[in-house]
Amino acid sequence: MEKVTIKGIELYLTEPDDIPVKWVGQEDLITQVLAAWLVVEEDDIPLNPRLIGKPGVGKTTLAYYAARRLGKPVYMFQATVDTRPEDLIITPVISEEGKIKYIASPIVSAMIKGGIAIIDEGNRMSEKSWASLAPLLDNRRYVESIIAGVKIYAHPDFRICVTMNEDASTFELPEYISSRLQPQIYIDFPEREEELMILRSNLPFADEEILEYVVNFLQAAHAADEKYTVRDGINIARYALKRIMMDNKKHDKLSKLKYLKEAALMILDKEAANYFSEVILDEEKD
């Protein structure tokens, strides 16, 4: 691990994340994130965008891909209900020699290296944890570790982004944090052609027929205001393709649909499987 010394305190830095992801379609969302991070003059400071939307719509992928567009190292921090303030800043651990080592979090490592920090599912954290980041998210741009007894200022190139899910298992953000996490960028379900492009990008080995069935299912689900996302569609297609591969024989439309129905039931629920049941019935009539 890389080691740096700040005001006499040795800190061990976390390694940046290297994830092979690609953002497909909706280029305007990339532009919005990059605009938030832009500094227009010396006295300006970057904004801290908040990406919101249903689970599985690609918020983390968008944040990571936008960060890599800037050519900076990217550091991911997964927030949970158990996240403590020290987890966000510096954690003390006992070394092999019995001495205390201070491990910088991905956020602090990004601050020091001038990278980009992504806090994933940030609204799963409590207000106590968020309070430790308040000075980082305004024009002060620092964090303070009580454990290590050191104040750390962010590199001028440091940027941060937070993703947040819209579901019941999250905390309400305190107003003083909400006002610091701006602008809000909403990621909605993609249009049909963009969703098909995403499926093709993630499943380049899938035949077009499978992808068409899956995208039709997803678009019908979006129209009915169901919770299913393109991530669910990718998993359904993946499992169905594995079942088809194991059969080691040529499959017609009906057999592909039956495996898609099985995958939908196992990965999602009976309602999702019912969609493929209806398509099977239509195929049998024809």
Protein backbone atom coordinates (compact mmCIF):
# COMPACT_ATOMS: atom_id res chain seq x y z
CA MET A 1 0.00 0.00 0.00
CA GLU A 2 1.19 3.51 -0.79
CA LYS A 3 2.13 5.49 2.29
CA VAL A 4 2.01 9.27 2.78
CA THR A 5 2.82 11.46 5.76
CA ILE A 6 0.53 14.38 6.68
CA LYS A 7 1.54 16.55 9.63
CA GLY A 8 3.66 13.74 11.04
CA ILE A 9 0.95 11.10 10.71
CA GLU A 10 1.61 8.17 8.38
CA LEU A 11 -1.39 7.14 6.31
CA TYR A 12 -1.71 4.05 4.14
CA LEU A 13 -3.77 4.74 1.05
CA THR A 14 -6.45 2.55 -0.48
CA GLU A 15 -5.91 1.41 -4.07
CA PRO A 16 -8.20 2.93 -6.73
CA ASP A 17 -10.83 0.74 -8.37
CA ASP A 18 -10.39 -0.53 -11.89
CA ILE A 19 -13.74 -1.79 -13.20
CA PRO A 20 -14.38 -2.72 -16.85
CA VAL A 21 -17.69 -0.90 -17.33
CA LYS A 22 -19.12 1.05 -20.24
CA TRP A 23 -21.99 3.52 -20.28
CA VAL A 24 -24.31 3.04 -23.24
CA GLY A 25 -26.66 5.77 -24.49
CA GLN A 26 -27.99 8.83 -22.62
CA GLU A 27 -24.89 10.90 -23.31
CA ASP A 28 -26.60 13.96 -21.79
CA LEU A 29 -26.29 12.35 -18.33
CA ILE A 30 -22.51 12.10 -18.73
CA THR A 31 -22.44 15.76 -19.72
CA GLN A 32 -24.45 16.73 -16.62
CA VAL A 33 -22.06 14.92 -14.27
CA LEU A 34 -18.97 16.42 -15.93
CA ALA A 35 -20.52 19.90 -15.84
CA ALA A 36 -21.08 19.56 -12.09
CA TRP A 37 -17.38 18.76 -11.60
CA LEU A 38 -16.16 21.61 -13.82
CA VAL A 39 -14.34 24.58 -12.28
CA VAL A 40 -14.85 27.72 -14.36
CA GLU A 41 -12.30 29.99 -12.65
CA GLU A 42 -9.83 30.07 -9.78
CA ASP A 43 -12.35 31.07 -7.10
CA ASP A 44 -14.90 28.46 -8.21
CA ILE A 45 -15.31 25.05 -6.55
CA PRO A 46 -16.74 21.85 -8.06
CA LEU A 47 -20.23 20.68 -7.21
CA ASN A 48 -21.01 17.30 -5.67
CA PRO A 49 -23.63 15.65 -7.89
CA ARG A 50 -26.21 13.30 -6.44
CA LEU A 51 -27.36 10.54 -8.80
CA ILE A 52 -30.81 9.26 -7.92
CA GLY A 53 -33.11 6.62 -9.35
CA LYS A 54 -34.41 3.11 -8.86
CA PRO A 55 -31.93 0.30 -8.07
CA GLY A 56 -30.42 -1.17 -11.20
CA VAL A 57 -30.80 1.76 -13.61
CA GLY A 58 -27.02 2.32 -13.86
CA LYS A 59 -26.24 5.10 -11.39
CA THR A 60 -22.93 3.62 -10.28
CA THR A 61 -21.95 2.80 -13.86
CA LEU A 62 -22.73 6.38 -14.90
CA ALA A 63 -20.65 7.86 -12.05
CA TYR A 64 -17.69 5.57 -12.70
CA TYR A 65 -17.74 6.04 -16.47
CA ALA A 66 -17.97 9.84 -16.13
CA ALA A 67 -15.05 9.78 -13.69
CA ARG A 68 -12.91 7.75 -16.08
CA ARG A 69 -13.66 10.28 -18.83
CA LEU A 70 -11.55 12.73 -16.81
CA GLY A 71 -8.66 10.28 -16.72
CA LYS A 72 -8.48 10.36 -12.92
CA PRO A 73 -8.16 7.43 -10.49
CA VAL A 74 -11.57 6.39 -9.16
CA TYR A 75 -12.22 5.24 -5.61
CA MET A 76 -15.47 3.49 -4.68
CA PHE A 77 -16.96 3.51 -1.19
CA GLN A 78 -19.97 1.25 -0.52
CA ALA A 79 -22.21 2.85 2.10
CA THR A 80 -24.28 0.70 4.48
CA VAL A 81 -26.43 1.23 7.56
CA ASP A 82 -23.39 0.16 9.61
CA THR A 83 -21.02 2.75 8.13
CA ARG A 84 -19.27 4.68 10.90
CA PRO A 85 -17.66 8.13 10.66
CA GLU A 86 -14.17 6.58 10.97
CA ASP A 87 -14.96 4.23 8.07
CA LEU A 88 -15.37 7.30 5.88
CA ILE A 89 -12.09 8.91 6.95
CA ILE A 90 -9.35 6.91 8.71
CA THR A 91 -9.48 3.47 10.32
CA PRO A 92 -6.82 2.33 12.82
CA VAL A 93 -5.61 -1.28 12.52
CA ILE A 94 -2.98 -3.26 14.38
CA SER A 95 0.05 -4.12 12.26
CA GLU A 96 2.08 -7.34 12.47
CA GLU A 97 4.55 -5.53 14.71
CA GLY A 98 1.75 -4.64 17.14
CA LYS A 99 1.77 -0.99 16.17
CA ILE A 100 -1.23 1.07 15.04
CA LYS A 101 -1.48 1.71 11.31
CA TYR A 102 -3.83 4.35 9.96
CA ILE A 103 -5.67 3.26 6.82
CA ALA A 104 -7.16 6.03 4.71
CA SER A 105 -10.63 5.33 3.35
CA PRO A 106 -11.25 5.35 -0.42
CA ILE A 107 -12.67 8.87 0.02
CA VAL A 108 -9.60 10.23 1.81
CA SER A 109 -7.29 8.38 -0.60
CA ALA A 110 -9.06 10.14 -3.48
CA MET A 111 -8.71 13.48 -1.66
CA ILE A 112 -4.97 13.01 -1.30
CA LYS A 113 -4.33 11.69 -4.82
CA GLY A 114 -6.59 14.17 -6.62
CA GLY A 115 -8.90 11.38 -7.72
CA ILE A 116 -12.64 10.94 -7.81
CA ALA A 117 -14.60 9.36 -4.96
CA ILE A 118 -17.94 7.68 -5.52
CA ILE A 119 -20.09 6.97 -2.48
CA ASP A 120 -22.48 4.26 -3.58
CA GLU A 121 -25.98 4.09 -2.03
CA GLY A 122 -25.18 7.06 0.19
CA ASN A 123 -28.64 7.34 1.70
CA ARG A 124 -28.11 4.05 3.52
CA MET A 125 -25.80 5.94 5.92
CA SER A 126 -26.98 7.60 9.12
CA GLU A 127 -26.76 11.34 9.79
CA LYS A 128 -23.87 10.78 12.22
CA SER A 129 -21.75 9.37 9.40
CA TRP A 130 -22.72 12.14 6.99
CA ALA A 131 -21.78 14.80 9.56
CA SER A 132 -18.12 13.78 9.32
CA LEU A 133 -18.14 14.67 5.59
CA ALA A 134 -19.93 18.03 5.89
CA PRO A 135 -16.76 20.19 5.69
CA LEU A 136 -15.56 18.21 2.66
CA LEU A 137 -18.75 18.98 0.74
CA ASP A 138 -18.58 22.76 0.99
CA ASN A 139 -15.88 25.34 0.29
CA ARG A 140 -13.75 24.13 3.21
CA ARG A 141 -12.97 20.85 1.38
CA TYR A 142 -11.38 19.01 4.29
CA VAL A 143 -12.08 16.15 6.69
CA GLU A 144 -10.85 15.77 10.23
CA SER A 145 -9.91 12.49 11.87
CA ILE A 146 -10.32 12.49 15.64
CA ILE A 147 -8.73 9.03 15.79
CA ALA A 148 -5.53 10.06 14.00
CA GLY A 149 -5.61 13.66 15.17
CA VAL A 150 -5.14 15.12 11.70
CA LYS A 151 -7.00 17.43 9.34
CA ILE A 152 -6.76 16.52 5.66
CA TYR A 153 -7.44 18.98 2.84
CA ALA A 154 -8.59 17.82 -0.58
CA HIS A 155 -6.34 18.09 -3.61
CA PRO A 156 -7.65 20.72 -6.08
CA ASP A 157 -8.44 17.95 -8.58
CA PHE A 158 -10.51 15.96 -6.09
CA ARG A 159 -14.14 15.35 -7.05
CA ILE A 160 -16.93 13.41 -5.39
CA CYS A 161 -20.25 11.93 -6.47
CA VAL A 162 -22.97 10.14 -4.50
CA THR A 163 -25.49 7.61 -5.78
CA MET A 164 -28.81 7.10 -4.00
CA ASN A 165 -31.55 4.54 -4.47
CA GLU A 166 -35.25 5.25 -4.36
CA ASP A 167 -36.47 2.56 -2.00
CA ALA A 168 -37.79 2.07 1.51
CA SER A 169 -34.53 0.81 3.06
CA THR A 170 -32.86 4.22 3.15
CA PHE A 171 -32.47 7.17 5.52
CA GLU A 172 -33.77 10.67 4.90
CA LEU A 173 -30.84 13.01 4.21
CA PRO A 174 -30.42 15.88 6.67
CA GLU A 175 -31.00 19.24 5.01
CA TYR A 176 -27.45 20.49 5.57
CA ILE A 177 -26.14 17.48 3.65
CA SER A 178 -28.84 17.54 0.99
CA SER A 179 -27.98 21.16 0.16
CA ARG A 180 -24.32 20.17 -0.30
CA LEU A 181 -25.09 17.29 -2.68
CA GLN A 182 -26.15 19.18 -5.75
CA PRO A 183 -27.17 19.04 -8.52
CA GLN A 184 -29.59 16.12 -8.42
CA ILE A 185 -29.33 14.04 -11.58
CA TYR A 186 -32.19 11.63 -12.10
CA ILE A 187 -31.52 8.40 -14.00
CA ASP A 188 -34.72 6.96 -15.44
CA PHE A 189 -35.37 3.79 -17.41
CA PRO A 190 -33.85 4.08 -20.90
CA GLU A 191 -35.86 4.13 -24.11
CA ARG A 192 -36.28 0.85 -25.99
CA GLU A 193 -33.38 1.31 -28.43
CA GLU A 194 -31.01 2.42 -25.69
CA GLU A 195 -32.07 -0.50 -23.49
CA LEU A 196 -31.45 -2.89 -26.37
CA MET A 197 -28.00 -1.34 -26.85
CA ILE A 198 -27.24 -1.92 -23.15
CA LEU A 199 -28.28 -5.56 -23.43
CA ARG A 200 -26.13 -6.06 -26.52
CA SER A 201 -23.17 -4.40 -24.82
CA ASN A 202 -23.41 -6.65 -21.76
CA LEU A 203 -24.39 -9.81 -23.66
CA PRO A 204 -22.44 -9.73 -26.94
CA PHE A 205 -22.69 -13.53 -27.12
CA ALA A 206 -26.54 -13.59 -27.01
CA ASP A 207 -28.60 -14.09 -30.14
CA GLU A 208 -30.85 -11.23 -31.21
CA GLU A 209 -34.05 -13.15 -30.56
CA ILE A 210 -33.28 -13.55 -26.85
CA LEU A 211 -32.41 -9.86 -26.57
CA GLU A 212 -35.62 -8.80 -28.32
CA TYR A 213 -37.75 -10.87 -25.96
CA VAL A 214 -35.97 -9.44 -22.93
CA VAL A 215 -36.17 -5.81 -24.06
CA ASN A 216 -39.87 -6.25 -24.84
CA PHE A 217 -40.36 -7.59 -21.32
CA LEU A 218 -38.49 -4.65 -19.80
CA GLN A 219 -40.38 -2.04 -21.81
CA ALA A 220 -43.71 -3.61 -20.83
CA ALA A 221 -42.59 -3.58 -17.19
CA HIS A 222 -41.61 0.10 -17.36
CA ALA A 223 -44.97 0.99 -18.91
CA ALA A 224 -46.72 -0.84 -16.05
CA ASP A 225 -44.55 0.99 -13.49
CA GLU A 226 -42.94 -2.26 -12.34
CA LYS A 227 -39.61 -2.24 -10.47
CA TYR A 228 -37.73 -4.44 -12.95
CA THR A 229 -34.57 -2.91 -14.43
CA VAL A 230 -32.11 -3.61 -17.22
CA ARG A 231 -29.87 -5.33 -14.65
CA ASP A 232 -32.71 -7.81 -14.09
CA GLY A 233 -33.06 -8.26 -17.83
CA ILE A 234 -29.33 -8.99 -18.20
CA ASN A 235 -29.50 -11.62 -15.44
CA ILE A 236 -32.59 -13.24 -16.94
CA ALA A 237 -30.92 -13.48 -20.34
CA ARG A 238 -27.68 -14.79 -18.82
CA TYR A 239 -29.39 -17.62 -16.97
CA ALA A 240 -31.58 -18.55 -19.94
CA LEU A 241 -28.50 -18.68 -22.19
CA LYS A 242 -26.73 -20.98 -19.72
CA ARG A 243 -29.73 -23.32 -19.68
CA ILE A 244 -29.79 -23.34 -23.48
CA MET A 245 -26.05 -24.03 -23.61
CA MET A 246 -26.40 -27.03 -21.30
CA ASP A 247 -28.98 -28.59 -23.60
CA ASN A 248 -26.41 -28.70 -26.39
CA LYS A 249 -29.04 -28.61 -29.13
CA LYS A 250 -30.73 -26.13 -31.42
CA HIS A 251 -33.66 -24.25 -29.91
CA ASP A 252 -36.75 -22.75 -31.46
CA LYS A 253 -38.65 -19.68 -30.22
CA LEU A 254 -40.84 -21.63 -27.80
CA SER A 255 -37.97 -23.37 -26.05
CA LYS A 256 -36.08 -20.08 -25.69
CA LEU A 257 -39.17 -18.46 -24.21
CA LYS A 258 -39.63 -21.33 -21.75
CA TYR A 259 -36.09 -20.86 -20.48
CA LEU A 260 -36.63 -17.10 -20.25
CA LYS A 261 -39.80 -17.77 -18.23
CA GLU A 262 -37.87 -20.09 -15.92
CA ALA A 263 -35.13 -17.48 -15.51
CA ALA A 264 -37.65 -14.71 -14.77
CA LEU A 265 -39.28 -16.83 -12.07
CA MET A 266 -35.98 -17.75 -10.43
CA ILE A 267 -34.38 -14.30 -10.65
CA LEU A 268 -37.45 -12.11 -10.13
CA ASP A 269 -40.92 -13.41 -9.33
CA LYS A 270 -44.10 -15.01 -10.63
CA GLU A 271 -45.36 -11.73 -12.13
CA ALA A 272 -42.25 -11.43 -14.28
CA ALA A 273 -42.56 -15.05 -15.36
CA ASN A 274 -46.23 -14.47 -16.29
CA TYR A 275 -45.15 -12.00 -18.96
CA PHE A 276 -43.22 -14.74 -20.75
CA SER A 277 -46.14 -17.14 -20.23
CA GLU A 278 -48.35 -14.77 -22.20
CA VAL A 279 -45.80 -14.54 -25.00
CA ILE A 280 -45.56 -18.35 -25.06
CA LEU A 281 -49.34 -18.60 -25.43
CA ASP A 282 -49.27 -16.10 -28.31
CA GLU A 283 -46.52 -18.09 -30.04
CA GLU A 284 -48.44 -21.35 -29.61
CA LYS A 285 -51.54 -19.78 -31.19
CA ASP A 286 -49.52 -18.70 -34.20
